Amino acid sequence: MTTTVNDPADGAAASAARALFEAEGLSFPPVPAHLLVSLQKQDGNWYATRPVQWTPYDFEHFLTEVQTQPDVSDYAVVGFDGHGINSWAAHYYYVDKSLALFIQLPWGGVYMDPEPARADIADMFDWAEKLQSKLQQAKAMHKIPDHVRLQVAASRFGHAGWRWLDAAQDNNAATPPWNASAGMKNVMLQELDDLVSGCRILKGGVIG
């Protein structure tokens, strides 16, 4: 899988999605090329590579789906969604076999200061690209079992945290707890570096 987002073979919808972010002065999230060409316009200002039953602002539905349906196919969702005068956000959701990443950051509210929000979104998208790259490396080195997926919730409106989900876990087992969101960006990158170097081992959904 490649995380290149500058593929000249982008479809019309992908080009429109890029233009949507560009018009807001925002960087475009790192959607892998094989999904980028499958983006389709949805109702409102957002795009998805698959049919979804909810809008992006329904953050918790996406979190629950990946836990209850571990065989969900790879997909991406990008764009802007919200309600009222201040509950609006930029969204980037990306799910594959080893990662379920859900980013929801403030954008478009009437009381929002755009410059700090723009910097926050750019920083998070840059981090997301690094995370995908490190996960690819760890996966290629067989450091992550095929049935294990990293789930990341990064929302300013809903839940924030991260955890490893093990699809092979007994259905009667307790739901894996979320790790605290404080400092999670650096912690996750370091944890993946440790897996690659062999300093730590991932067995099921537990790092040792």
N, C-alpha and C. Protein backbone atom coordinates (compact mmCIF):
# COMPACT_ATOMS: atom_id res chain seq x y z
N MET A 1 0.85 -1.19 0.00
CA MET A 1 0.00 0.00 0.00
C MET A 1 0.88 1.24 0.00
N THR A 2 0.48 2.22 -0.78
CA THR A 2 1.22 3.47 -0.81
C THR A 2 0.36 4.59 -0.25
N THR A 3 0.97 5.51 0.44
CA THR A 3 0.21 6.62 1.00
C THR A 3 0.37 7.89 0.18
N THR A 4 0.87 7.75 -1.07
CA THR A 4 1.03 8.91 -1.93
C THR A 4 -0.32 9.54 -2.22
N VAL A 5 -0.40 10.85 -2.08
CA VAL A 5 -1.66 11.53 -2.35
C VAL A 5 -1.55 12.49 -3.53
N ASN A 6 -0.53 12.33 -4.32
CA ASN A 6 -0.33 13.21 -5.47
C ASN A 6 -0.38 12.43 -6.77
N ASP A 7 -1.22 11.42 -6.82
CA ASP A 7 -1.35 10.57 -7.98
C ASP A 7 -2.06 11.33 -9.09
N PRO A 8 -1.42 11.50 -10.28
CA PRO A 8 -2.06 12.23 -11.37
C PRO A 8 -3.27 11.52 -11.94
N ALA A 9 -3.47 10.23 -11.57
CA ALA A 9 -4.60 9.46 -12.07
C ALA A 9 -5.84 9.63 -11.20
N ASP A 10 -5.85 10.60 -10.28
CA ASP A 10 -7.02 10.85 -9.44
C ASP A 10 -8.28 10.97 -10.30
N GLY A 11 -9.40 10.43 -9.77
CA GLY A 11 -10.66 10.60 -10.45
C GLY A 11 -11.21 11.99 -10.25
N ALA A 12 -12.32 12.28 -10.92
CA ALA A 12 -12.93 13.61 -10.82
C ALA A 12 -13.35 13.93 -9.40
N ALA A 13 -13.90 12.95 -8.70
CA ALA A 13 -14.34 13.19 -7.33
C ALA A 13 -13.16 13.49 -6.41
N ALA A 14 -12.06 12.77 -6.62
CA ALA A 14 -10.87 13.01 -5.81
C ALA A 14 -10.33 14.42 -6.05
N SER A 15 -10.34 14.85 -7.30
CA SER A 15 -9.89 16.20 -7.61
C SER A 15 -10.80 17.24 -6.96
N ALA A 16 -12.09 16.97 -6.95
CA ALA A 16 -13.03 17.89 -6.31
C ALA A 16 -12.83 17.92 -4.81
N ALA A 17 -12.50 16.76 -4.22
CA ALA A 17 -12.24 16.71 -2.77
C ALA A 17 -11.00 17.52 -2.43
N ARG A 18 -9.98 17.40 -3.25
CA ARG A 18 -8.76 18.19 -3.04
C ARG A 18 -9.09 19.68 -3.12
N ALA A 19 -9.87 20.04 -4.13
CA ALA A 19 -10.22 21.44 -4.33
C ALA A 19 -11.02 21.98 -3.14
N LEU A 20 -11.85 21.14 -2.55
CA LEU A 20 -12.63 21.53 -1.39
C LEU A 20 -11.72 21.93 -0.23
N PHE A 21 -10.69 21.12 0.03
CA PHE A 21 -9.75 21.43 1.10
C PHE A 21 -8.90 22.65 0.73
N GLU A 22 -8.49 22.72 -0.52
CA GLU A 22 -7.65 23.84 -0.97
C GLU A 22 -8.39 25.16 -0.82
N ALA A 23 -9.68 25.15 -1.12
CA ALA A 23 -10.48 26.38 -1.00
C ALA A 23 -10.55 26.88 0.43
N GLU A 24 -10.39 25.96 1.39
CA GLU A 24 -10.38 26.33 2.81
C GLU A 24 -8.98 26.64 3.32
N GLY A 25 -7.98 26.54 2.43
CA GLY A 25 -6.61 26.78 2.85
C GLY A 25 -6.06 25.67 3.70
N LEU A 26 -6.57 24.44 3.52
CA LEU A 26 -6.17 23.30 4.33
C LEU A 26 -5.41 22.28 3.50
N SER A 27 -4.46 21.60 4.14
CA SER A 27 -3.78 20.50 3.49
C SER A 27 -4.75 19.34 3.32
N PHE A 28 -4.50 18.50 2.32
CA PHE A 28 -5.37 17.35 2.08
C PHE A 28 -4.84 16.16 2.87
N PRO A 29 -5.72 15.38 3.48
CA PRO A 29 -5.26 14.25 4.30
C PRO A 29 -4.61 13.16 3.47
N PRO A 30 -3.77 12.33 4.09
CA PRO A 30 -3.02 11.30 3.36
C PRO A 30 -3.86 10.07 3.03
N VAL A 31 -4.71 10.21 2.04
CA VAL A 31 -5.52 9.08 1.57
C VAL A 31 -4.67 8.23 0.62
N PRO A 32 -4.51 6.94 0.88
CA PRO A 32 -3.73 6.09 -0.02
C PRO A 32 -4.26 6.12 -1.44
N ALA A 33 -3.36 6.01 -2.41
CA ALA A 33 -3.73 6.17 -3.81
C ALA A 33 -4.81 5.19 -4.25
N HIS A 34 -4.78 3.96 -3.75
CA HIS A 34 -5.76 2.97 -4.20
C HIS A 34 -7.17 3.29 -3.72
N LEU A 35 -7.29 4.12 -2.67
CA LEU A 35 -8.60 4.55 -2.20
C LEU A 35 -8.97 5.92 -2.77
N LEU A 36 -7.97 6.73 -3.01
CA LEU A 36 -8.21 8.09 -3.51
C LEU A 36 -9.05 8.06 -4.79
N VAL A 37 -8.75 7.13 -5.68
CA VAL A 37 -9.46 7.07 -6.96
C VAL A 37 -10.89 6.57 -6.80
N SER A 38 -11.23 6.06 -5.60
CA SER A 38 -12.58 5.53 -5.38
C SER A 38 -13.48 6.50 -4.63
N LEU A 39 -12.97 7.68 -4.29
CA LEU A 39 -13.80 8.66 -3.58
C LEU A 39 -15.02 9.05 -4.41
N GLN A 40 -16.16 9.16 -3.73
CA GLN A 40 -17.39 9.59 -4.37
C GLN A 40 -18.04 10.67 -3.53
N LYS A 41 -18.63 11.67 -4.19
CA LYS A 41 -19.31 12.76 -3.50
C LYS A 41 -20.54 12.25 -2.76
N GLN A 42 -20.70 12.68 -1.53
CA GLN A 42 -21.86 12.34 -0.72
C GLN A 42 -22.70 13.61 -0.51
N ASP A 43 -23.83 13.47 0.17
CA ASP A 43 -24.63 14.65 0.48
C ASP A 43 -23.82 15.57 1.38
N GLY A 44 -23.79 16.85 1.07
CA GLY A 44 -22.98 17.78 1.85
C GLY A 44 -21.58 17.90 1.28
N ASN A 45 -20.68 18.39 2.10
CA ASN A 45 -19.30 18.64 1.66
C ASN A 45 -18.36 17.55 2.14
N TRP A 46 -18.67 16.31 1.78
CA TRP A 46 -17.78 15.23 2.15
C TRP A 46 -17.83 14.11 1.11
N TYR A 47 -16.77 13.28 1.16
CA TYR A 47 -16.57 12.22 0.17
C TYR A 47 -16.25 10.92 0.89
N ALA A 48 -16.62 9.80 0.28
CA ALA A 48 -16.34 8.49 0.87
C ALA A 48 -16.08 7.48 -0.24
N THR A 49 -15.36 6.44 0.11
CA THR A 49 -15.05 5.38 -0.86
C THR A 49 -16.00 4.20 -0.74
N ARG A 50 -16.99 4.30 0.15
CA ARG A 50 -17.94 3.21 0.38
C ARG A 50 -19.27 3.80 0.84
N PRO A 51 -20.34 3.05 0.70
CA PRO A 51 -21.61 3.54 1.27
C PRO A 51 -21.51 3.57 2.79
N VAL A 52 -21.99 4.62 3.41
CA VAL A 52 -22.00 4.71 4.87
C VAL A 52 -23.40 5.12 5.31
N GLN A 53 -23.79 4.66 6.49
CA GLN A 53 -25.14 4.91 6.98
C GLN A 53 -25.25 6.22 7.76
N TRP A 54 -24.10 6.86 8.03
CA TRP A 54 -24.11 8.06 8.86
C TRP A 54 -23.28 9.13 8.17
N THR A 55 -23.39 10.34 8.66
CA THR A 55 -22.51 11.40 8.18
C THR A 55 -21.24 11.40 9.04
N PRO A 56 -20.16 12.01 8.58
CA PRO A 56 -18.91 12.00 9.35
C PRO A 56 -19.03 12.54 10.76
N TYR A 57 -19.96 13.47 10.98
CA TYR A 57 -20.07 14.05 12.32
C TYR A 57 -20.54 13.02 13.35
N ASP A 58 -21.15 11.93 12.87
CA ASP A 58 -21.59 10.85 13.76
C ASP A 58 -20.40 9.98 14.13
N PHE A 59 -19.48 10.56 14.83
CA PHE A 59 -18.17 9.99 15.11
C PHE A 59 -18.25 8.61 15.78
N GLU A 60 -19.07 8.49 16.80
CA GLU A 60 -19.11 7.25 17.58
C GLU A 60 -19.57 6.06 16.76
N HIS A 61 -20.40 6.28 15.75
CA HIS A 61 -20.85 5.17 14.91
C HIS A 61 -19.67 4.51 14.20
N PHE A 62 -18.74 5.32 13.73
CA PHE A 62 -17.57 4.78 13.03
C PHE A 62 -16.67 4.01 13.99
N LEU A 63 -16.51 4.54 15.21
CA LEU A 63 -15.70 3.85 16.21
C LEU A 63 -16.28 2.48 16.54
N THR A 64 -17.60 2.45 16.73
CA THR A 64 -18.26 1.20 17.11
C THR A 64 -18.21 0.18 15.98
N GLU A 65 -18.39 0.64 14.75
CA GLU A 65 -18.42 -0.28 13.62
C GLU A 65 -17.14 -1.09 13.50
N VAL A 66 -16.00 -0.44 13.64
CA VAL A 66 -14.74 -1.15 13.44
C VAL A 66 -14.47 -2.14 14.56
N GLN A 67 -15.08 -1.92 15.71
CA GLN A 67 -14.94 -2.87 16.82
C GLN A 67 -15.88 -4.06 16.64
N THR A 68 -17.10 -3.79 16.23
CA THR A 68 -18.09 -4.86 16.11
C THR A 68 -18.03 -5.58 14.78
N GLN A 69 -17.42 -4.95 13.78
CA GLN A 69 -17.29 -5.57 12.45
C GLN A 69 -15.82 -5.52 12.02
N PRO A 70 -14.97 -6.34 12.62
CA PRO A 70 -13.53 -6.28 12.34
C PRO A 70 -13.16 -6.61 10.90
N ASP A 71 -14.09 -7.20 10.14
CA ASP A 71 -13.80 -7.53 8.75
C ASP A 71 -14.24 -6.43 7.78
N VAL A 72 -14.57 -5.25 8.31
CA VAL A 72 -14.96 -4.14 7.44
C VAL A 72 -13.86 -3.87 6.41
N SER A 73 -14.26 -3.65 5.17
CA SER A 73 -13.31 -3.43 4.09
C SER A 73 -12.61 -2.08 4.23
N ASP A 74 -11.44 -1.95 3.58
CA ASP A 74 -10.70 -0.70 3.58
C ASP A 74 -11.59 0.43 3.06
N TYR A 75 -11.49 1.59 3.69
CA TYR A 75 -12.26 2.73 3.19
C TYR A 75 -11.65 4.04 3.70
N ALA A 76 -12.09 5.13 3.08
CA ALA A 76 -11.69 6.46 3.52
C ALA A 76 -12.89 7.39 3.43
N VAL A 77 -12.94 8.35 4.35
CA VAL A 77 -13.94 9.42 4.37
C VAL A 77 -13.21 10.73 4.59
N VAL A 78 -13.50 11.74 3.78
CA VAL A 78 -12.86 13.05 3.94
C VAL A 78 -13.90 14.14 3.71
N GLY A 79 -13.71 15.27 4.37
CA GLY A 79 -14.58 16.40 4.10
C GLY A 79 -15.03 17.11 5.36
N PHE A 80 -16.12 17.88 5.24
CA PHE A 80 -16.59 18.75 6.31
C PHE A 80 -18.06 18.44 6.61
N ASP A 81 -18.36 18.40 7.90
CA ASP A 81 -19.73 18.08 8.30
C ASP A 81 -19.96 18.65 9.70
N GLY A 82 -21.22 18.89 10.04
CA GLY A 82 -21.56 19.40 11.36
C GLY A 82 -22.99 19.88 11.42
N HIS A 83 -23.26 20.73 12.41
CA HIS A 83 -24.60 21.28 12.57
C HIS A 83 -24.52 22.55 13.40
N GLY A 84 -25.61 23.31 13.38
CA GLY A 84 -25.66 24.55 14.15
C GLY A 84 -24.71 25.60 13.59
N ILE A 85 -24.28 26.51 14.46
CA ILE A 85 -23.40 27.59 14.01
C ILE A 85 -21.94 27.37 14.39
N ASN A 86 -21.68 26.41 15.30
CA ASN A 86 -20.29 26.24 15.73
C ASN A 86 -19.84 24.79 15.81
N SER A 87 -20.75 23.84 15.60
CA SER A 87 -20.39 22.43 15.70
C SER A 87 -20.07 21.87 14.31
N TRP A 88 -18.94 22.32 13.76
CA TRP A 88 -18.51 21.91 12.43
C TRP A 88 -17.07 21.43 12.51
N ALA A 89 -16.74 20.46 11.65
CA ALA A 89 -15.41 19.86 11.74
C ALA A 89 -14.91 19.39 10.38
N ALA A 90 -13.59 19.33 10.29
CA ALA A 90 -12.93 18.65 9.18
C ALA A 90 -12.74 17.19 9.59
N HIS A 91 -13.00 16.28 8.66
CA HIS A 91 -12.95 14.86 8.96
C HIS A 91 -11.99 14.13 8.04
N TYR A 92 -11.27 13.18 8.63
CA TYR A 92 -10.44 12.25 7.87
C TYR A 92 -10.51 10.90 8.57
N TYR A 93 -11.21 9.96 7.94
CA TYR A 93 -11.32 8.62 8.47
C TYR A 93 -10.65 7.66 7.48
N TYR A 94 -9.80 6.81 8.00
CA TYR A 94 -9.10 5.85 7.15
C TYR A 94 -9.01 4.51 7.85
N VAL A 95 -9.50 3.46 7.20
CA VAL A 95 -9.50 2.12 7.78
C VAL A 95 -8.88 1.14 6.81
N ASP A 96 -7.89 0.37 7.28
CA ASP A 96 -7.40 -0.77 6.54
C ASP A 96 -7.20 -1.92 7.53
N LYS A 97 -6.51 -2.96 7.12
CA LYS A 97 -6.41 -4.16 7.95
C LYS A 97 -5.63 -3.92 9.25
N SER A 98 -4.74 -2.95 9.28
CA SER A 98 -3.92 -2.73 10.47
C SER A 98 -4.19 -1.40 11.17
N LEU A 99 -5.04 -0.56 10.58
CA LEU A 99 -5.28 0.77 11.15
C LEU A 99 -6.73 1.18 10.98
N ALA A 100 -7.29 1.76 12.03
CA ALA A 100 -8.61 2.41 11.98
C ALA A 100 -8.42 3.79 12.59
N LEU A 101 -8.25 4.79 11.74
CA LEU A 101 -7.89 6.13 12.16
C LEU A 101 -9.06 7.08 11.92
N PHE A 102 -9.49 7.76 12.98
CA PHE A 102 -10.64 8.66 12.89
C PHE A 102 -10.25 10.02 13.45
N ILE A 103 -10.13 11.00 12.56
CA ILE A 103 -9.72 12.35 12.94
C ILE A 103 -10.89 13.31 12.68
N GLN A 104 -11.26 14.06 13.71
CA GLN A 104 -12.36 15.02 13.64
C GLN A 104 -11.91 16.29 14.37
N LEU A 105 -11.62 17.33 13.61
CA LEU A 105 -11.08 18.56 14.20
C LEU A 105 -11.93 19.77 13.84
N PRO A 106 -12.06 20.73 14.76
CA PRO A 106 -12.91 21.89 14.52
C PRO A 106 -12.54 22.65 13.25
N TRP A 107 -13.56 22.94 12.44
CA TRP A 107 -13.36 23.79 11.26
C TRP A 107 -14.73 24.28 10.77
N GLY A 108 -14.85 25.58 10.62
CA GLY A 108 -16.05 26.15 10.02
C GLY A 108 -17.03 26.78 10.99
N GLY A 109 -16.80 26.64 12.31
CA GLY A 109 -17.69 27.27 13.28
C GLY A 109 -17.53 28.78 13.29
N VAL A 110 -18.59 29.48 13.58
CA VAL A 110 -18.54 30.94 13.51
C VAL A 110 -17.64 31.55 14.59
N TYR A 111 -17.41 30.83 15.69
CA TYR A 111 -16.58 31.36 16.76
C TYR A 111 -15.14 30.84 16.71
N MET A 112 -14.82 30.11 15.66
CA MET A 112 -13.51 29.49 15.56
C MET A 112 -12.46 30.48 15.05
N ASP A 113 -11.27 30.43 15.64
CA ASP A 113 -10.13 31.19 15.14
C ASP A 113 -9.48 30.34 14.06
N PRO A 114 -9.55 30.71 12.79
CA PRO A 114 -9.13 29.81 11.71
C PRO A 114 -7.65 29.47 11.68
N GLU A 115 -6.79 30.39 12.07
CA GLU A 115 -5.36 30.11 11.91
C GLU A 115 -4.85 29.01 12.84
N PRO A 116 -5.15 29.05 14.15
CA PRO A 116 -4.75 27.92 15.00
C PRO A 116 -5.42 26.62 14.57
N ALA A 117 -6.68 26.68 14.14
CA ALA A 117 -7.38 25.48 13.69
C ALA A 117 -6.73 24.91 12.43
N ARG A 118 -6.33 25.77 11.52
CA ARG A 118 -5.67 25.33 10.28
C ARG A 118 -4.33 24.66 10.61
N ALA A 119 -3.58 25.24 11.53
CA ALA A 119 -2.30 24.66 11.91
C ALA A 119 -2.49 23.31 12.60
N ASP A 120 -3.53 23.21 13.41
CA ASP A 120 -3.83 21.96 14.11
C ASP A 120 -4.16 20.85 13.12
N ILE A 121 -4.95 21.17 12.11
CA ILE A 121 -5.33 20.18 11.09
C ILE A 121 -4.11 19.75 10.29
N ALA A 122 -3.27 20.71 9.89
CA ALA A 122 -2.06 20.38 9.13
C ALA A 122 -1.14 19.48 9.94
N ASP A 123 -0.98 19.79 11.22
CA ASP A 123 -0.12 18.99 12.08
C ASP A 123 -0.66 17.56 12.23
N MET A 124 -1.97 17.45 12.39
CA MET A 124 -2.57 16.12 12.57
C MET A 124 -2.47 15.29 11.29
N PHE A 125 -2.68 15.90 10.15
CA PHE A 125 -2.58 15.16 8.89
C PHE A 125 -1.13 14.72 8.63
N ASP A 126 -0.18 15.59 8.99
CA ASP A 126 1.23 15.21 8.85
C ASP A 126 1.56 14.02 9.75
N TRP A 127 1.06 14.07 10.98
CA TRP A 127 1.27 12.95 11.90
C TRP A 127 0.63 11.67 11.38
N ALA A 128 -0.57 11.79 10.81
CA ALA A 128 -1.28 10.62 10.28
C ALA A 128 -0.47 9.94 9.18
N GLU A 129 0.19 10.73 8.36
CA GLU A 129 1.02 10.15 7.29
C GLU A 129 2.22 9.40 7.89
N LYS A 130 2.83 9.97 8.93
CA LYS A 130 3.94 9.29 9.60
C LYS A 130 3.47 7.99 10.24
N LEU A 131 2.29 8.04 10.86
CA LEU A 131 1.75 6.85 11.51
C LEU A 131 1.53 5.73 10.50
N GLN A 132 0.94 6.07 9.36
CA GLN A 132 0.70 5.06 8.32
C GLN A 132 2.01 4.46 7.83
N SER A 133 3.01 5.31 7.64
CA SER A 133 4.31 4.83 7.16
C SER A 133 4.95 3.86 8.14
N LYS A 134 4.91 4.20 9.42
CA LYS A 134 5.51 3.32 10.44
C LYS A 134 4.73 2.02 10.57
N LEU A 135 3.41 2.09 10.45
CA LEU A 135 2.61 0.88 10.49
C LEU A 135 2.92 -0.03 9.31
N GLN A 136 3.07 0.55 8.14
CA GLN A 136 3.43 -0.23 6.96
C GLN A 136 4.76 -0.96 7.18
N GLN A 137 5.72 -0.24 7.75
CA GLN A 137 7.02 -0.85 8.02
C GLN A 137 6.91 -2.00 9.01
N ALA A 138 6.18 -1.77 10.10
CA ALA A 138 6.01 -2.82 11.10
C ALA A 138 5.26 -4.01 10.54
N LYS A 139 4.26 -3.75 9.71
CA LYS A 139 3.49 -4.83 9.09
C LYS A 139 4.37 -5.63 8.14
N ALA A 140 5.17 -4.95 7.34
CA ALA A 140 6.05 -5.63 6.39
C ALA A 140 7.08 -6.51 7.09
N MET A 141 7.43 -6.13 8.30
CA MET A 141 8.41 -6.90 9.08
C MET A 141 7.72 -7.95 9.96
N HIS A 142 6.41 -8.13 9.76
CA HIS A 142 5.62 -9.13 10.50
C HIS A 142 5.64 -8.87 12.01
N LYS A 143 5.66 -7.59 12.37
CA LYS A 143 5.62 -7.21 13.78
C LYS A 143 4.18 -7.03 14.28
N ILE A 144 3.23 -6.99 13.35
CA ILE A 144 1.82 -6.83 13.71
C ILE A 144 1.05 -8.01 13.16
N PRO A 145 0.42 -8.82 14.00
CA PRO A 145 -0.37 -9.97 13.53
C PRO A 145 -1.48 -9.52 12.57
N ASP A 146 -1.85 -10.40 11.64
CA ASP A 146 -2.85 -10.06 10.63
C ASP A 146 -4.21 -9.69 11.24
N HIS A 147 -4.51 -10.22 12.41
CA HIS A 147 -5.82 -10.00 13.01
C HIS A 147 -5.84 -8.85 14.01
N VAL A 148 -4.74 -8.09 14.08
CA VAL A 148 -4.65 -6.99 15.04
C VAL A 148 -4.67 -5.65 14.30
N ARG A 149 -5.44 -4.71 14.83
CA ARG A 149 -5.58 -3.39 14.20
C ARG A 149 -5.44 -2.30 15.26
N LEU A 150 -4.72 -1.25 14.92
CA LEU A 150 -4.61 -0.08 15.78
C LEU A 150 -5.80 0.83 15.54
N GLN A 151 -6.55 1.14 16.58
CA GLN A 151 -7.69 2.05 16.47
C GLN A 151 -7.33 3.37 17.15
N VAL A 152 -7.54 4.45 16.42
CA VAL A 152 -7.20 5.79 16.91
C VAL A 152 -8.41 6.70 16.79
N ALA A 153 -8.79 7.33 17.88
CA ALA A 153 -9.87 8.31 17.89
C ALA A 153 -9.28 9.66 18.26
N ALA A 154 -9.35 10.62 17.34
CA ALA A 154 -8.80 11.94 17.59
C ALA A 154 -9.87 12.97 17.27
N SER A 155 -10.72 13.24 18.25
CA SER A 155 -11.83 14.17 18.06
C SER A 155 -11.80 15.24 19.13
N ARG A 156 -12.11 16.48 18.75
CA ARG A 156 -12.27 17.56 19.71
C ARG A 156 -13.73 17.65 20.18
N PHE A 157 -14.60 16.86 19.55
CA PHE A 157 -16.02 16.89 19.90
C PHE A 157 -16.46 15.61 20.59
N GLY A 158 -15.80 14.50 20.30
CA GLY A 158 -16.17 13.22 20.86
C GLY A 158 -15.00 12.57 21.57
N HIS A 159 -14.89 11.27 21.39
CA HIS A 159 -13.88 10.50 22.11
C HIS A 159 -12.48 10.72 21.52
N ALA A 160 -11.48 10.64 22.39
CA ALA A 160 -10.09 10.68 21.95
C ALA A 160 -9.30 9.63 22.73
N GLY A 161 -8.48 8.88 22.03
CA GLY A 161 -7.67 7.84 22.65
C GLY A 161 -7.22 6.85 21.60
N TRP A 162 -6.61 5.76 22.04
CA TRP A 162 -6.13 4.75 21.10
C TRP A 162 -6.03 3.40 21.80
N ARG A 163 -6.08 2.34 20.99
CA ARG A 163 -5.98 0.99 21.52
C ARG A 163 -5.73 0.01 20.37
N TRP A 164 -5.28 -1.17 20.72
CA TRP A 164 -5.10 -2.26 19.76
C TRP A 164 -6.32 -3.18 19.86
N LEU A 165 -6.93 -3.47 18.71
CA LEU A 165 -8.06 -4.39 18.65
C LEU A 165 -7.61 -5.72 18.06
N ASP A 166 -7.99 -6.81 18.70
CA ASP A 166 -7.62 -8.15 18.24
C ASP A 166 -8.87 -8.87 17.76
N ALA A 167 -9.00 -9.05 16.44
CA ALA A 167 -10.18 -9.69 15.88
C ALA A 167 -10.27 -11.16 16.25
N ALA A 168 -9.15 -11.76 16.67
CA ALA A 168 -9.14 -13.17 17.07
C ALA A 168 -9.54 -13.37 18.52
N GLN A 169 -9.77 -12.27 19.23
CA GLN A 169 -10.11 -12.35 20.64
C GLN A 169 -11.49 -12.98 20.82
N ASP A 170 -11.65 -13.74 21.88
CA ASP A 170 -12.92 -14.36 22.21
C ASP A 170 -14.02 -13.30 22.31
N ASN A 171 -15.17 -13.58 21.69
CA ASN A 171 -16.26 -12.61 21.70
C ASN A 171 -16.76 -12.27 23.10
N ASN A 172 -16.49 -13.17 24.03
CA ASN A 172 -16.93 -12.94 25.41
C ASN A 172 -15.92 -12.15 26.24
N ALA A 173 -14.77 -11.89 25.64
CA ALA A 173 -13.73 -11.17 26.36
C ALA A 173 -14.14 -9.70 26.54
N ALA A 174 -13.56 -9.09 27.53
CA ALA A 174 -13.85 -7.68 27.81
C ALA A 174 -13.37 -6.79 26.67
N THR A 175 -14.09 -5.72 26.43
CA THR A 175 -13.69 -4.76 25.41
C THR A 175 -12.35 -4.14 25.79
N PRO A 176 -11.39 -4.10 24.86
CA PRO A 176 -10.09 -3.51 25.19
C PRO A 176 -10.24 -2.06 25.64
N PRO A 177 -9.59 -1.68 26.72
CA PRO A 177 -9.71 -0.29 27.20
C PRO A 177 -8.96 0.67 26.29
N TRP A 178 -9.40 1.91 26.28
CA TRP A 178 -8.71 2.95 25.53
C TRP A 178 -7.51 3.45 26.32
N ASN A 179 -6.42 3.72 25.64
CA ASN A 179 -5.30 4.42 26.25
C ASN A 179 -5.63 5.91 26.28
N ALA A 180 -5.13 6.60 27.27
CA ALA A 180 -5.40 8.03 27.41
C ALA A 180 -4.89 8.81 26.21
N SER A 181 -5.59 9.90 25.90
CA SER A 181 -5.24 10.69 24.71
C SER A 181 -4.04 11.61 24.93
N ALA A 182 -3.71 11.90 26.17
CA ALA A 182 -2.60 12.82 26.45
C ALA A 182 -1.30 12.31 25.85
N GLY A 183 -0.73 13.11 24.96
CA GLY A 183 0.55 12.75 24.35
C GLY A 183 0.49 11.56 23.42
N MET A 184 -0.70 11.17 22.97
CA MET A 184 -0.83 9.90 22.25
C MET A 184 -0.11 9.90 20.90
N LYS A 185 0.03 11.05 20.27
CA LYS A 185 0.70 11.05 18.97
C LYS A 185 2.14 10.57 19.09
N ASN A 186 2.87 11.13 20.04
CA ASN A 186 4.26 10.72 20.22
C ASN A 186 4.37 9.29 20.76
N VAL A 187 3.44 8.93 21.64
CA VAL A 187 3.49 7.59 22.23
C VAL A 187 3.29 6.52 21.17
N MET A 188 2.34 6.73 20.28
CA MET A 188 2.08 5.74 19.23
C MET A 188 3.26 5.60 18.27
N LEU A 189 3.83 6.71 17.87
CA LEU A 189 4.98 6.64 16.97
C LEU A 189 6.15 5.92 17.63
N GLN A 190 6.38 6.21 18.92
CA GLN A 190 7.47 5.55 19.64
C GLN A 190 7.18 4.06 19.79
N GLU A 191 5.94 3.71 20.05
CA GLU A 191 5.58 2.31 20.21
C GLU A 191 5.84 1.54 18.91
N LEU A 192 5.53 2.14 17.79
CA LEU A 192 5.78 1.48 16.50
C LEU A 192 7.27 1.37 16.24
N ASP A 193 8.04 2.40 16.60
CA ASP A 193 9.49 2.31 16.47
C ASP A 193 10.04 1.16 17.31
N ASP A 194 9.49 0.98 18.51
CA ASP A 194 9.93 -0.09 19.39
C ASP A 194 9.59 -1.46 18.82
N LEU A 195 8.42 -1.56 18.16
CA LEU A 195 8.06 -2.82 17.53
C LEU A 195 9.02 -3.16 16.39
N VAL A 196 9.33 -2.17 15.58
CA VAL A 196 10.23 -2.37 14.44
C VAL A 196 11.62 -2.76 14.90
N SER A 197 12.10 -2.13 15.96
CA SER A 197 13.45 -2.40 16.46
C SER A 197 13.53 -3.70 17.25
N GLY A 198 12.38 -4.23 17.64
CA GLY A 198 12.37 -5.46 18.43
C GLY A 198 12.44 -5.24 19.92
N CYS A 199 12.40 -3.97 20.34
CA CYS A 199 12.44 -3.67 21.77
C CYS A 199 11.16 -4.13 22.48
N ARG A 200 10.07 -4.16 21.72
CA ARG A 200 8.80 -4.59 22.29
C ARG A 200 8.12 -5.53 21.30
N ILE A 201 7.16 -6.30 21.81
CA ILE A 201 6.45 -7.27 20.98
C ILE A 201 4.95 -7.06 21.17
N LEU A 202 4.23 -7.15 20.05
CA LEU A 202 2.78 -7.05 20.10
C LEU A 202 2.19 -8.45 19.99
N LYS A 203 1.54 -8.87 21.04
CA LYS A 203 0.90 -10.18 21.07
C LYS A 203 -0.57 -9.97 21.33
N GLY A 204 -1.40 -10.32 20.31
CA GLY A 204 -2.80 -9.97 20.41
C GLY A 204 -2.94 -8.47 20.44
N GLY A 205 -3.66 -7.96 21.40
CA GLY A 205 -3.81 -6.51 21.51
C GLY A 205 -2.98 -5.92 22.63
N VAL A 206 -1.93 -6.63 23.04
CA VAL A 206 -1.13 -6.17 24.17
C VAL A 206 0.32 -6.01 23.76
N ILE A 207 0.89 -4.86 24.11
CA ILE A 207 2.31 -4.60 23.85
C ILE A 207 3.12 -5.07 25.05
N GLY A 208 4.17 -5.83 24.78
CA GLY A 208 5.03 -6.31 25.86
C GLY A 208 6.49 -5.96 25.63
